Protein backbone atom coordinates (compact mmCIF):
# COMPACT_ATOMS: atom_id res chain seq x y z
CA UNK A 1 57.10 -27.11 22.53
CA UNK A 2 57.23 -28.09 26.15
CA UNK A 3 59.88 -28.11 28.36
CA UNK A 4 60.04 -29.48 32.11
CA UNK A 5 63.13 -30.30 34.26
CA UNK A 6 62.37 -33.54 36.02
CA UNK A 7 64.10 -33.79 39.38
CA UNK A 8 63.98 -35.77 42.96
CA UNK A 9 63.50 -31.54 44.62
CA UNK A 10 60.40 -29.35 44.67
CA UNK A 11 56.87 -30.19 44.08
CA UNK A 12 56.39 -32.63 40.77
CA UNK A 13 52.73 -32.46 38.77
CA UNK A 14 51.92 -36.15 38.82
CA UNK A 15 49.72 -37.92 35.50
CA UNK A 16 46.98 -38.39 38.11
CA UNK A 17 46.96 -34.73 38.59
CA UNK A 18 48.07 -34.84 42.00
CA UNK A 19 51.00 -32.79 42.87
CA UNK A 20 53.85 -34.88 44.92
CA UNK A 21 55.95 -32.40 47.27
CA UNK A 22 59.28 -33.43 48.34
CA UNK A 23 61.63 -31.90 51.29
CA UNK A 24 65.12 -33.01 52.15
CA UNK A 25 65.70 -32.26 55.74
CA UNK A 26 67.80 -34.78 57.40
CA UNK A 27 68.04 -32.16 60.41
CA UNK A 28 64.37 -32.32 61.13
CA UNK A 29 61.82 -34.57 63.29
CA UNK A 30 58.72 -33.67 61.68
CA UNK A 31 57.83 -31.55 58.39
CA UNK A 32 54.24 -29.92 57.84
CA UNK A 33 53.76 -29.37 54.32
CA UNK A 34 51.64 -25.77 54.54
CA UNK A 35 49.59 -25.49 51.64
CA UNK A 36 47.34 -22.13 51.24
CA UNK A 37 45.15 -23.04 54.26
CA UNK A 38 45.53 -26.52 54.61
CA UNK A 39 48.63 -28.26 56.62
CA UNK A 40 49.38 -31.81 56.39
CA UNK A 41 51.99 -33.79 58.26
CA UNK A 42 54.57 -34.90 55.33
CA UNK A 43 55.66 -38.86 55.12
CA UNK A 44 59.16 -39.36 56.82
CA UNK A 45 61.13 -41.15 54.04
CA UNK A 46 64.64 -43.01 54.03
CA UNK A 47 67.88 -40.66 54.10
CA UNK A 48 65.97 -37.47 55.38
CA UNK A 49 63.52 -37.18 53.03
CA UNK A 50 59.99 -36.10 53.59
CA UNK A 51 57.37 -36.31 51.14
CA UNK A 52 53.45 -35.11 51.08
CA UNK A 53 50.61 -35.44 48.00
CA UNK A 54 47.88 -32.82 47.36
CA UNK A 55 45.09 -34.39 45.30
CA UNK A 56 44.01 -30.59 44.06
CA UNK A 57 47.11 -28.06 43.80
CA UNK A 58 46.44 -25.18 41.09
CA UNK A 59 49.19 -23.14 39.55
CA UNK A 60 50.09 -20.49 41.94
CA UNK A 61 49.38 -22.24 45.20
CA UNK A 62 51.51 -20.63 47.97
CA UNK A 63 53.40 -23.09 50.39
CA UNK A 64 55.66 -23.84 52.38
CA UNK A 65 57.20 -26.24 55.13
CA UNK A 66 56.88 -26.29 58.95
CA UNK A 67 59.60 -27.92 60.31
CA UNK A 68 59.08 -29.50 63.99
CA UNK A 69 56.08 -27.27 64.69
CA UNK A 70 58.33 -24.29 64.49
CA UNK A 71 60.15 -22.73 61.82
CA UNK A 72 58.44 -22.14 58.60
CA UNK A 73 60.67 -21.67 55.33
CA UNK A 74 59.94 -22.17 51.55
CA UNK A 75 61.22 -24.50 49.51
CA UNK A 76 64.77 -24.53 49.18
CA UNK A 77 63.91 -25.91 45.33
CA UNK A 78 61.12 -23.04 44.53
CA UNK A 79 60.39 -22.42 40.87
CA UNK A 80 58.98 -18.92 42.17
CA UNK A 81 59.02 -16.70 45.33
CA UNK A 82 56.77 -13.66 44.78
CA UNK A 83 56.78 -12.58 48.02
CA UNK A 84 60.69 -12.20 48.80
CA UNK A 85 62.81 -15.25 49.85
CA UNK A 86 61.45 -15.12 53.55
CA UNK A 87 57.76 -15.80 51.94
CA UNK A 88 55.47 -18.70 50.27
CA UNK A 89 56.64 -20.50 47.35
CA UNK A 90 54.42 -20.18 44.67
CA UNK A 91 53.23 -23.50 42.50
CA UNK A 92 53.97 -23.30 39.06
CA UNK A 93 53.22 -25.33 35.79
CA UNK A 94 56.62 -25.32 33.61
CA UNK A 95 54.33 -26.86 30.99
CA UNK A 96 52.55 -23.68 30.61
CA UNK A 97 54.91 -22.08 28.76
CA UNK A 98 54.69 -22.94 24.99
CA UNK A 99 58.24 -22.17 23.52
CA UNK A 100 58.44 -20.77 19.59
CA UNK A 101 62.27 -21.60 19.44
CA UNK A 102 61.89 -25.33 18.94
CA UNK A 103 64.26 -25.22 15.94
CA UNK A 104 67.08 -23.94 18.07
CA UNK A 105 70.16 -26.32 18.83
CA UNK A 106 72.41 -22.99 19.54
CA UNK A 107 75.70 -21.59 18.05
CA UNK A 108 79.30 -23.11 18.41
CA UNK A 109 81.55 -21.61 20.59
CA UNK A 110 83.91 -20.13 18.28
CA UNK A 111 81.36 -17.59 17.28
CA UNK A 112 80.70 -16.45 21.16
CA UNK A 113 81.24 -12.92 21.65
CA UNK A 114 79.42 -12.32 25.05
CA UNK A 115 77.92 -9.35 26.53
CA UNK A 116 77.57 -9.78 30.35
CA UNK A 117 74.56 -7.61 31.69
CA UNK A 118 72.62 -7.38 34.83
CA UNK A 119 69.11 -7.63 34.35
CA UNK A 120 68.18 -4.92 36.90
CA UNK A 121 70.56 -1.84 35.85
CA UNK A 122 70.09 -3.24 31.97
CA UNK A 123 67.26 -1.08 31.40
CA UNK A 124 65.09 1.90 33.19
CA UNK A 125 62.92 -0.78 33.84
CA UNK A 126 65.15 -3.04 34.98
CA UNK A 127 63.18 -6.65 34.31
CA UNK A 128 63.54 -9.63 31.93
CA UNK A 129 60.71 -8.36 29.75
CA UNK A 130 62.27 -4.48 29.05
CA UNK A 131 65.75 -6.50 28.26
CA UNK A 132 63.87 -7.91 25.06
CA UNK A 133 63.93 -4.29 23.50
CA UNK A 134 67.80 -4.28 23.64
CA UNK A 135 68.31 -6.93 21.57
CA UNK A 136 68.64 -5.76 18.66
CA UNK A 137 71.13 -3.12 19.57
CA UNK A 138 73.03 -6.00 20.40
CA UNK A 139 72.89 -8.01 17.48
CA UNK A 140 73.61 -5.07 15.40
CA UNK A 141 76.94 -4.30 17.76
CA UNK A 142 78.32 -7.91 16.94
CA UNK A 143 77.04 -9.89 19.86
CA UNK A 144 76.21 -12.97 19.61
CA UNK A 145 75.56 -14.66 23.42
CA UNK A 146 74.42 -12.41 26.52
CA UNK A 147 75.42 -13.33 29.60
CA UNK A 148 73.42 -12.83 32.90
CA UNK A 149 74.39 -11.84 36.10
CA UNK A 150 72.69 -14.42 38.43
CA UNK A 151 69.18 -14.20 38.69
CA UNK A 152 68.43 -16.65 42.07
CA UNK A 153 66.09 -15.04 44.11
CA UNK A 154 68.03 -12.76 46.77
CA UNK A 155 66.87 -10.55 49.61
CA UNK A 156 65.60 -7.55 48.74
CA UNK A 157 64.68 -6.26 45.80
CA UNK A 158 68.48 -4.94 44.55
CA UNK A 159 71.47 -6.84 44.54
CA UNK A 160 74.22 -8.15 42.56
CA UNK A 161 72.67 -11.84 42.47
CA UNK A 162 75.44 -13.43 44.02
CA UNK A 163 73.69 -13.45 47.62
CA UNK A 164 71.25 -15.72 46.08
CA UNK A 165 69.08 -18.32 48.79
CA UNK A 166 66.75 -19.80 46.42
CA UNK A 167 68.92 -21.22 43.11
CA UNK A 168 65.48 -22.55 41.53
CA UNK A 169 63.58 -19.22 41.60
CA UNK A 170 64.20 -16.23 39.44
CA UNK A 171 64.32 -13.12 40.88
CA UNK A 172 60.66 -11.83 41.31
CA UNK A 173 61.92 -8.02 41.14
CA UNK A 174 63.05 -8.95 37.28
CA UNK A 175 59.91 -10.77 36.27
CA UNK A 176 58.33 -14.34 36.79
CA UNK A 177 59.97 -17.15 35.73
CA UNK A 178 57.49 -16.79 31.87
CA UNK A 179 59.02 -13.70 31.66
CA UNK A 180 62.61 -15.24 31.97
CA UNK A 181 61.56 -17.33 29.30
CA UNK A 182 60.00 -14.75 27.04
CA UNK A 183 63.76 -13.19 27.20
CA UNK A 184 65.62 -16.28 26.36
CA UNK A 185 62.94 -16.83 23.41
CA UNK A 186 63.22 -13.30 22.19
CA UNK A 187 67.35 -14.06 22.64
CA UNK A 188 67.01 -17.28 20.55
CA UNK A 189 65.05 -15.80 17.64
CA UNK A 190 67.23 -13.22 17.33
CA UNK A 191 70.36 -15.55 16.75
CA UNK A 192 71.85 -14.45 20.24
CA UNK A 193 72.96 -17.20 23.05
CA UNK A 194 71.94 -16.77 26.34
CA UNK A 195 74.70 -17.63 29.02
CA UNK A 196 73.88 -17.54 32.80
CA UNK A 197 76.01 -17.09 35.71
CA UNK A 198 75.27 -19.46 39.00
CA UNK A 199 76.47 -19.66 42.33
CA UNK A 200 77.49 -22.92 43.19
CA UNK A 201 80.18 -21.97 46.27
CA UNK A 202 77.77 -20.69 48.87
CA UNK A 203 74.29 -19.17 49.97
CA UNK A 204 73.75 -15.62 50.95
CA UNK A 205 73.82 -14.14 54.32
CA UNK A 206 70.10 -13.41 54.30
CA UNK A 207 67.04 -16.01 54.17
CA UNK A 208 69.08 -19.38 53.93
CA UNK A 209 67.29 -21.74 56.50
CA UNK A 210 68.80 -24.61 55.31
CA UNK A 211 71.30 -24.57 58.12
CA UNK A 212 67.78 -25.24 60.19
CA UNK A 213 66.71 -28.55 58.81
CA UNK A 214 69.69 -29.69 56.74
CA UNK A 215 73.06 -28.76 57.99
CA UNK A 216 74.91 -31.32 56.07
CA UNK A 217 74.45 -28.36 52.86
CA UNK A 218 78.00 -27.24 54.87
CA UNK A 219 80.83 -28.42 55.69
CA UNK A 220 81.59 -26.82 59.22
CA UNK A 221 85.62 -27.29 58.43
CA UNK A 222 85.70 -24.97 55.66
CA UNK A 223 84.77 -21.61 54.68
CA UNK A 224 84.55 -19.55 51.76
CA UNK A 225 85.03 -15.27 51.74
CA UNK A 226 81.18 -14.76 51.60
CA UNK A 227 80.10 -17.57 53.67
CA UNK A 228 79.54 -21.03 54.99
CA UNK A 229 81.18 -23.67 52.19
CA UNK A 230 78.93 -26.19 50.73
CA UNK A 231 79.51 -29.96 51.65
CA UNK A 232 80.49 -31.56 48.10
CA UNK A 233 82.67 -34.42 49.79
CA UNK A 234 81.68 -35.08 53.69
CA UNK A 235 78.73 -37.02 55.19
CA UNK A 236 75.22 -36.37 53.17
CA UNK A 237 77.10 -34.81 50.39
CA UNK A 238 75.40 -37.30 47.44
CA UNK A 239 72.01 -34.67 47.83
CA UNK A 240 73.94 -31.76 47.91
CA UNK A 241 76.28 -32.15 44.90
CA UNK A 242 72.32 -33.50 43.19
CA UNK A 243 70.51 -30.38 44.57
CA UNK A 244 73.51 -28.42 42.46
CA UNK A 245 73.87 -30.53 39.63
CA UNK A 246 70.01 -30.33 38.89
CA UNK A 247 70.16 -26.89 39.24
CA UNK A 248 72.41 -26.56 36.32
CA UNK A 249 70.10 -28.91 34.41
CA UNK A 250 67.12 -27.03 35.12
CA UNK A 251 68.43 -24.02 33.68
CA UNK A 252 69.48 -25.42 30.59
CA UNK A 253 66.34 -27.74 29.69
CA UNK A 254 63.42 -26.20 31.10
CA UNK A 255 64.44 -21.99 30.50
CA UNK A 256 66.52 -23.47 27.65
CA UNK A 257 69.94 -21.69 28.57
CA UNK A 258 72.42 -22.29 25.73
CA UNK A 259 75.10 -22.29 28.76
CA UNK A 260 76.29 -21.48 32.03
CA UNK A 261 78.94 -19.43 33.56
CA UNK A 262 79.80 -21.41 37.09
CA UNK A 263 81.18 -18.75 39.53
CA UNK A 264 84.01 -19.08 42.02
CA UNK A 265 84.73 -22.81 41.36
CA UNK A 266 88.17 -22.52 43.17
CA UNK A 267 85.48 -22.15 46.25
CA UNK A 268 84.07 -25.21 45.49
CA UNK A 269 85.92 -27.21 47.90
CA UNK A 270 85.85 -31.60 46.70
CA UNK A 271 88.73 -33.98 47.28
CA UNK A 272 86.41 -36.69 46.28
CA UNK A 273 86.43 -38.00 42.69
CA UNK A 274 84.83 -36.74 40.22
CA UNK A 275 84.97 -33.48 41.52
CA UNK A 276 81.80 -31.65 41.76
CA UNK A 277 82.65 -29.30 38.66
CA UNK A 278 83.58 -32.19 36.75
CA UNK A 279 80.74 -34.37 37.76
CA UNK A 280 78.40 -31.08 36.68
CA UNK A 281 79.95 -30.78 33.53
CA UNK A 282 79.46 -34.78 32.60
CA UNK A 283 75.68 -34.39 33.36
CA UNK A 284 75.40 -31.48 31.03
CA UNK A 285 77.20 -33.60 28.21
CA UNK A 286 75.35 -36.49 28.99
CA UNK A 287 72.20 -34.72 29.29
CA UNK A 288 71.15 -31.51 27.34
CA UNK A 289 74.28 -31.59 25.63
CA UNK A 290 73.70 -34.36 23.50
CA UNK A 291 71.22 -33.36 21.75
CA UNK A 292 72.08 -29.42 20.98
CA UNK A 293 74.94 -27.15 22.06
CA UNK A 294 75.79 -26.22 25.41
CA UNK A 295 78.91 -24.52 27.03
CA UNK A 296 80.46 -24.19 30.56
CA UNK A 297 82.58 -20.97 31.55
CA UNK A 298 84.16 -21.57 34.75
CA UNK A 299 85.31 -18.88 37.13
CA UNK A 300 88.94 -20.00 38.71
CA UNK A 301 90.82 -17.14 40.64
CA UNK A 302 93.70 -20.01 40.91
CA UNK A 303 94.45 -20.00 37.61
CA UNK A 304 93.96 -24.10 37.28
CA UNK A 305 93.91 -25.48 34.20
CA UNK A 306 92.34 -29.02 35.46
CA UNK A 307 88.83 -28.47 34.21
CA UNK A 308 89.78 -27.24 30.69
CA UNK A 309 91.02 -30.59 29.38
CA UNK A 310 90.47 -31.56 25.45
CA UNK A 311 89.94 -34.76 23.59
CA UNK A 312 92.35 -35.70 20.67
CA UNK A 313 90.38 -33.61 18.25
CA UNK A 314 90.86 -30.56 20.35
CA UNK A 315 87.12 -30.61 21.89
CA UNK A 316 86.33 -29.90 25.48
CA UNK A 317 85.50 -32.85 27.54
CA UNK A 318 84.35 -31.02 30.72
CA UNK A 319 84.21 -27.11 30.49
CA UNK A 320 84.41 -24.78 27.11
CA UNK A 321 86.46 -21.98 29.21
CA UNK A 322 87.50 -20.01 31.78
CA UNK A 323 87.72 -16.40 32.25
CA UNK A 324 91.41 -14.87 32.21
CA UNK A 325 91.76 -12.83 34.68
CA UNK A 326 95.86 -12.37 33.99
CA UNK A 327 95.04 -11.06 30.49
CA UNK A 328 92.48 -8.15 32.56
CA UNK A 329 95.07 -7.30 34.68
CA UNK A 330 97.88 -6.90 32.42
CA UNK A 331 95.98 -4.98 30.08
CA UNK A 332 94.09 -2.73 33.36
CA UNK A 333 97.64 -2.04 34.47
CA UNK A 334 98.99 -0.48 30.84
CA UNK A 335 95.56 1.39 30.73
CA UNK A 336 95.15 2.87 33.94
CA UNK A 337 98.52 2.64 35.00
CA UNK A 338 96.98 1.28 38.51
CA UNK A 339 99.02 -1.32 40.77
CA UNK A 340 97.63 -1.45 43.60
CA UNK A 341 96.14 -4.92 45.34
CA UNK A 342 96.64 -7.58 42.75
CA UNK A 343 97.72 -5.46 39.76
CA UNK A 344 100.86 -5.10 41.33
CA UNK A 345 101.71 -8.40 40.14
CA UNK A 346 101.82 -6.93 36.69
CA UNK A 347 103.35 -3.72 37.40
CA UNK A 348 106.82 -4.29 36.18
CA UNK A 349 106.02 -6.82 33.16
CA UNK A 350 102.57 -5.71 31.98
CA UNK A 351 103.67 -5.81 28.56
CA UNK A 352 105.07 -9.27 28.59
CA UNK A 353 102.29 -10.83 31.29
CA UNK A 354 99.46 -9.25 28.45
CA UNK A 355 101.67 -11.12 25.44
CA UNK A 356 101.54 -14.28 27.52
CA UNK A 357 98.03 -14.02 28.44
CA UNK A 358 97.39 -13.67 24.95
CA UNK A 359 99.14 -16.23 23.48
CA UNK A 360 99.00 -18.95 25.85
CA UNK A 361 96.19 -18.16 28.50
CA UNK A 362 97.38 -17.69 31.38
CA UNK A 363 100.23 -15.42 32.63
CA UNK A 364 100.93 -17.22 35.56
CA UNK A 365 101.27 -20.85 35.28
CA UNK A 366 102.87 -21.98 38.65
CA UNK A 367 105.12 -18.56 38.75
CA UNK A 368 105.48 -16.74 42.60
CA UNK A 369 102.96 -14.15 42.94
CA UNK A 370 103.62 -11.30 45.00
CA UNK A 371 100.18 -10.42 45.77
CA UNK A 372 99.66 -13.44 47.01
CA UNK A 373 102.87 -13.72 49.64
CA UNK A 374 105.18 -15.11 47.34
CA UNK A 375 103.77 -18.81 46.68
CA UNK A 376 103.15 -20.31 43.20
CA UNK A 377 99.95 -19.16 41.74
CA UNK A 378 98.28 -21.07 38.33
CA UNK A 379 98.93 -24.18 36.50
CA UNK A 380 100.27 -24.84 32.89
CA UNK A 381 98.11 -23.91 30.10
CA UNK A 382 100.01 -23.59 27.13
CA UNK A 383 98.71 -26.89 25.38
CA UNK A 384 94.88 -25.37 25.81
CA UNK A 385 93.76 -23.63 22.28
CA UNK A 386 92.56 -20.05 22.87
CA UNK A 387 88.91 -21.00 22.46
CA UNK A 388 89.63 -22.37 26.42
CA UNK A 389 89.77 -18.79 27.78
CA UNK A 390 87.20 -15.58 27.98
CA UNK A 391 88.91 -11.96 27.65
CA UNK A 392 87.80 -9.53 28.62
CA UNK A 393 88.57 -5.27 29.55
CA UNK A 394 86.44 -5.32 32.23
CA UNK A 395 83.75 -7.61 33.97
CA UNK A 396 81.48 -6.48 36.74
CA UNK A 397 83.97 -7.71 39.27
CA UNK A 398 86.76 -5.44 38.08
CA UNK A 399 84.13 -2.74 38.00
CA UNK A 400 81.97 -3.20 40.88
CA UNK A 401 84.57 -3.91 43.39
CA UNK A 402 86.19 -0.50 43.24
CA UNK A 403 84.95 1.82 45.14
CA UNK A 404 83.25 4.19 42.88
CA UNK A 405 82.74 2.10 40.15
CA UNK A 406 84.47 3.90 37.44
CA UNK A 407 84.83 1.92 34.15
CA UNK A 408 87.78 1.33 32.45
CA UNK A 409 87.26 4.22 30.29
CA UNK A 410 87.07 6.99 32.66
CA UNK A 411 89.93 5.53 34.13
CA UNK A 412 92.04 5.69 31.05
CA UNK A 413 90.97 9.04 30.54
CA UNK A 414 91.85 10.15 33.88
CA UNK A 415 94.99 8.96 33.27
CA UNK A 416 95.68 10.07 30.06
CA UNK A 417 95.91 7.04 28.51
CA UNK A 418 92.75 6.90 25.98
CA UNK A 419 95.41 5.93 23.66
CA UNK A 420 96.11 2.72 25.11
CA UNK A 421 93.05 1.73 25.57
CA UNK A 422 92.35 2.10 22.04
CA UNK A 423 95.29 0.26 21.42
CA UNK A 424 94.40 -2.84 23.79
CA UNK A 425 90.49 -3.10 22.72
CA UNK A 426 91.54 -4.79 19.21
CA UNK A 427 94.01 -6.92 21.08
CA UNK A 428 90.90 -8.39 23.17
CA UNK A 429 88.28 -8.20 20.18
CA UNK A 430 90.52 -9.67 17.52
CA UNK A 431 92.49 -12.11 19.28
CA UNK A 432 91.68 -15.87 19.03
CA UNK A 433 90.20 -16.45 22.71
CA UNK A 434 86.29 -15.25 23.02
CA UNK A 435 86.00 -11.47 24.06
CA UNK A 436 83.69 -10.61 26.55
CA UNK A 437 82.25 -7.13 26.97
CA UNK A 438 80.55 -5.51 30.06
CA UNK A 439 76.93 -3.68 29.40
CA UNK A 440 77.73 -0.26 28.31
CA UNK A 441 81.42 -0.78 27.71
CA UNK A 442 80.92 -0.58 23.93
CA UNK A 443 79.85 3.36 24.06
CA UNK A 444 81.93 4.01 27.05
CA UNK A 445 79.28 4.39 29.73
CA UNK A 446 79.79 7.15 31.96
CA UNK A 447 77.22 5.79 34.48
CA UNK A 448 79.28 3.87 37.00
CA UNK A 449 78.30 0.30 38.04
CA UNK A 450 78.26 -0.18 42.13
CA UNK A 451 78.24 -2.50 44.42
CA UNK A 452 74.41 -2.55 45.64
CA UNK A 453 72.38 -4.93 47.91
CA UNK A 454 69.06 -4.85 50.06
CA UNK A 455 69.83 -6.02 53.03
CA UNK A 456 67.84 -4.45 56.77
CA UNK A 457 68.97 -3.90 60.16
CA UNK A 458 72.50 -5.09 61.58
CA UNK A 459 72.95 -6.92 58.71
CA UNK A 460 72.75 -3.82 56.21
CA UNK A 461 74.75 -1.77 58.92
CA UNK A 462 77.46 -4.25 58.79
CA UNK A 463 77.70 -4.70 55.06
CA UNK A 464 78.06 -0.76 54.65
CA UNK A 465 80.65 -0.48 57.22
CA UNK A 466 82.33 -3.63 56.03
CA UNK A 467 82.35 -2.22 51.98
CA UNK A 468 84.13 0.73 53.51
CA UNK A 469 86.51 -0.59 55.60
CA UNK A 470 87.60 -3.15 52.88
CA UNK A 471 89.14 -0.06 51.18
CA UNK A 472 91.14 1.01 54.28
CA UNK A 473 94.29 -0.64 53.11
CA UNK A 474 94.80 1.15 50.22
CA UNK A 475 96.76 3.88 50.64
CA UNK A 476 94.66 6.19 49.09
CA UNK A 477 91.76 5.66 51.45
CA UNK A 478 93.61 6.01 54.17
CA UNK A 479 91.41 9.08 55.56
CA UNK A 480 88.16 8.01 56.84
CA UNK A 481 86.78 10.94 55.65
CA UNK A 482 87.07 9.66 52.38
CA UNK A 483 86.06 6.27 53.38
CA UNK A 484 83.15 7.73 54.22
CA UNK A 485 82.01 8.79 50.79
CA UNK A 486 82.22 5.27 49.31
CA UNK A 487 78.47 5.12 48.43
CA UNK A 488 76.08 3.13 50.62
CA UNK A 489 75.17 -0.51 48.86
CA UNK A 490 71.74 -0.45 50.45
CA UNK A 491 70.85 3.12 49.33
CA UNK A 492 68.65 2.82 46.42
CA UNK A 493 70.64 5.69 44.79
CA UNK A 494 73.43 3.93 44.17
CA UNK A 495 71.63 1.34 42.54
CA UNK A 496 70.02 4.09 40.54
CA UNK A 497 73.31 5.63 39.57
CA UNK A 498 73.92 2.04 38.18
CA UNK A 499 71.63 1.92 35.54
CA UNK A 500 72.94 2.14 31.98
CA UNK A 501 72.00 5.87 30.09
CA UNK A 502 71.35 4.30 26.62
CA UNK A 503 70.96 8.15 25.41
CA UNK A 504 74.88 8.58 26.04
CA UNK A 505 74.95 6.10 22.71
CA UNK A 506 74.62 8.55 20.22
CA UNK A 507 76.80 11.44 22.07
CA UNK A 508 80.00 13.04 21.51
CA UNK A 509 82.43 10.98 23.38
CA UNK A 510 80.49 8.06 23.09
CA UNK A 511 79.56 7.10 19.37
CA UNK A 512 83.15 7.58 18.59
CA UNK A 513 83.87 4.12 20.66
CA UNK A 514 80.32 2.11 19.68
CA UNK A 515 81.74 2.96 15.88
CA UNK A 516 85.16 1.18 17.27
CA UNK A 517 83.88 -1.80 18.91
CA UNK A 518 81.06 -2.37 16.01
CA UNK A 519 84.01 -2.09 13.14
CA UNK A 520 86.09 -4.33 15.35
CA UNK A 521 83.29 -7.05 15.88
CA UNK A 522 82.31 -6.84 12.12
CA UNK A 523 86.00 -8.08 11.40
CA UNK A 524 86.23 -10.69 13.97
CA UNK A 525 82.84 -12.09 12.46
CA UNK A 526 83.73 -11.72 8.84
CA UNK A 527 87.07 -12.86 8.80
CA UNK A 528 88.31 -14.53 11.79
CA UNK A 529 85.21 -16.30 13.05
CA UNK A 530 85.46 -18.86 10.38
CA UNK A 531 89.23 -19.62 10.97
CA UNK A 532 89.10 -19.93 15.05
CA UNK A 533 88.78 -24.13 15.14
CA UNK A 534 91.96 -23.80 13.47
CA UNK A 535 93.98 -21.97 15.82
CA UNK A 536 96.32 -23.19 18.55
CA UNK A 537 98.04 -21.55 21.18
CA UNK A 538 100.48 -19.17 20.53
CA UNK A 539 103.63 -17.60 20.72
CA UNK A 540 105.01 -14.04 21.64
CA UNK A 541 107.99 -11.66 21.91
CA UNK A 542 109.32 -8.73 23.26
CA UNK A 543 111.10 -7.26 20.07
CA UNK A 544 111.96 -4.04 22.34
CA UNK A 545 110.52 -2.78 25.46
CA UNK A 546 106.77 -2.19 24.94
CA UNK A 547 106.93 -3.68 21.58
CA UNK A 548 104.64 -6.64 21.57
CA UNK A 549 104.44 -9.58 19.16
CA UNK A 550 102.14 -12.52 18.95
CA UNK A 551 101.35 -15.44 16.66
CA UNK A 552 99.06 -18.05 16.82
CA UNK A 553 99.43 -20.60 13.67
CA UNK A 554 96.63 -22.32 12.36
CA UNK A 555 96.42 -25.97 11.88
CA UNK A 556 96.79 -26.33 8.12
CA UNK A 557 98.87 -23.31 7.63
CA UNK A 558 98.75 -19.70 8.03
CA UNK A 559 98.52 -18.28 11.43
CA UNK A 560 97.18 -14.31 13.01
CA UNK A 561 99.53 -12.04 14.00
CA UNK A 562 99.68 -9.12 16.56
CA UNK A 563 102.33 -6.40 16.40
CA UNK A 564 101.36 -3.53 19.27
CA UNK A 565 103.48 -0.69 20.28
CA UNK A 566 101.65 -0.63 23.79
CA UNK A 567 103.97 2.21 24.75
CA UNK A 568 104.23 6.13 25.18
CA UNK A 569 107.06 6.93 22.82
CA UNK A 570 107.81 6.14 19.02
CA UNK A 571 109.48 2.32 18.13
CA UNK A 572 111.18 0.59 15.58
CA UNK A 573 110.09 -2.93 13.65
CA UNK A 574 113.49 -4.13 11.70
CA UNK A 575 111.46 -5.83 9.56
CA UNK A 576 108.64 -3.78 8.72
CA UNK A 577 105.25 -4.48 9.25
CA UNK A 578 104.08 -7.94 8.76
CA UNK A 579 102.56 -8.93 4.84
CA UNK A 580 99.02 -10.29 4.71
CA UNK A 581 95.43 -9.79 5.16
CA UNK A 582 95.12 -6.71 7.44
CA UNK A 583 92.28 -6.96 9.83
CA UNK A 584 93.15 -3.94 11.95
CA UNK A 585 95.55 -1.16 11.46
CA UNK A 586 95.23 1.76 14.00
CA UNK A 587 97.62 3.99 12.41
CA UNK A 588 97.04 4.90 8.66
CA UNK A 589 100.55 5.29 6.91
CA UNK A 590 102.75 3.78 9.63
CA UNK A 591 105.81 2.21 8.52
CA UNK A 592 108.37 -0.46 10.55
CA UNK A 593 110.87 1.96 11.10
CA UNK A 594 108.63 4.19 13.16
CA UNK A 595 106.12 2.80 14.66
CA UNK A 596 103.58 5.79 16.67
CA UNK A 597 102.94 5.40 20.33
CA UNK A 598 100.33 3.05 21.33
CA UNK A 599 100.31 1.39 17.58
CA UNK A 600 98.25 -2.13 16.82
CA UNK A 601 98.80 -3.78 13.32
CA UNK A 602 96.53 -7.55 13.20
CA UNK A 603 97.60 -9.39 10.29
CA UNK A 604 96.20 -13.36 8.78
CA UNK A 605 99.26 -14.18 7.00
CA UNK A 606 99.08 -17.04 4.48
CA UNK A 607 95.62 -17.63 4.69
CA UNK A 608 94.07 -16.81 1.00
């Protein structure tokens, strides 16, 4: 089985053996192709395109483009950049990889249990190939999909991936394009889906040369917190939109990914119709989605549900699901008692907001947000099924954006709220929304996940200072001496500290967490998964302060029911514990008249 995505960007080997090189450079007067030791002036075509053809071009040929006789740049659609983002691109042959997974058509969304991982920190070697050795552990845990944090080539050898500048080239420090294909293929052979996190809202601050020869890539009237906004709606935006849409299709077709997680779509500014996110999703549905199962997941800080619409049979029209930050934030307050920053919105009613997020999707569906200055936040989501949301106790964001990268198990332990965390975990893993784990979560990894990068010079110093200064708005970091202890993102030791220690899985204090996660996911797979396509948006109530009940009805009859005492004191339920098929109960022998602190019961009612 051979796979290749054909597109107007990047080099293409033609039927006669020649290779055609193309570059969209509307800001350039002249472009020269530098291929090996040969320089060739490219032909100027309409609409800012330049093209040149080589009669002979072998795999591995290093090439670049010279702009107006001065600046030399790599191909923005490079499939491989072995000398990092400033070096020449390398010609690849997508058809050279022989895929052994020709019969793989994917898995339905309701079977998804996602495991988010950073390739560089997932194993000691930190490569695509090394990750293969841990896939069997994830299968045994109950994972059905791995989600790779961005792998688009970024400057240096260490980074989260959100500063990528060559969106088509896998990060060289992780391996070659064929190494990534080997990882995807190995996952498929084990029944695992593979999702890829992609960033279409900005480019990183180092190694992005598009400003010099294709300024139409950017919208000068807009900005994102991470850099210049992409031009999805102004003059020249046709090719910009196509660049990113083809990038999505490229990963799905040429690398056989099962889906994409699209980062920060709220920062993909577009007032045109269709919105670029919808146009991308439609291209996916009309392309690879016609012949196999492909999933699209969004991150949208605005709680905007407009890309999640369903058809008359409840199937996603565009995106499958969206990360549910509201659920995470309410959980975090309950497990840690922290109320800084955006957690302040959840401080007064964490159980109620958790209930609404579990039952209806967003907790904020247009209500005022104090964190956002009292402005309304979110759009209605109650009509959407639970499978339109991805729920997690932690993600790379909520761990890595902390000053010291602490995970929720450590924070709950320090707050003496281990019981709260153990009660909240089944509320995520046995709720009908798609659950997501962050690597190492399943065994309460003690290793932090810190923010790290590999910049140089003034940029490196600015990032280090900015990272420390951003925490100055928090009271606990008011002391500059404490802020100086925040790990330097550019120090290699910061990256090394973030690698998982897999030996912890069998140690006391870690093995019991692994056993609990494994048991809950077994229950999900055995009992809950077959019913999930029938589950609809739920209802919730507080029977008493801290005493939460959530009920999701099933088409055709029956319901999934959660009863949880999310408080440090005992509580009573007048009607007793619900009857039905028990999925999980945290305390054996508990009775409705006297529920212990941090109690949870999850039951299927009216289902044979």
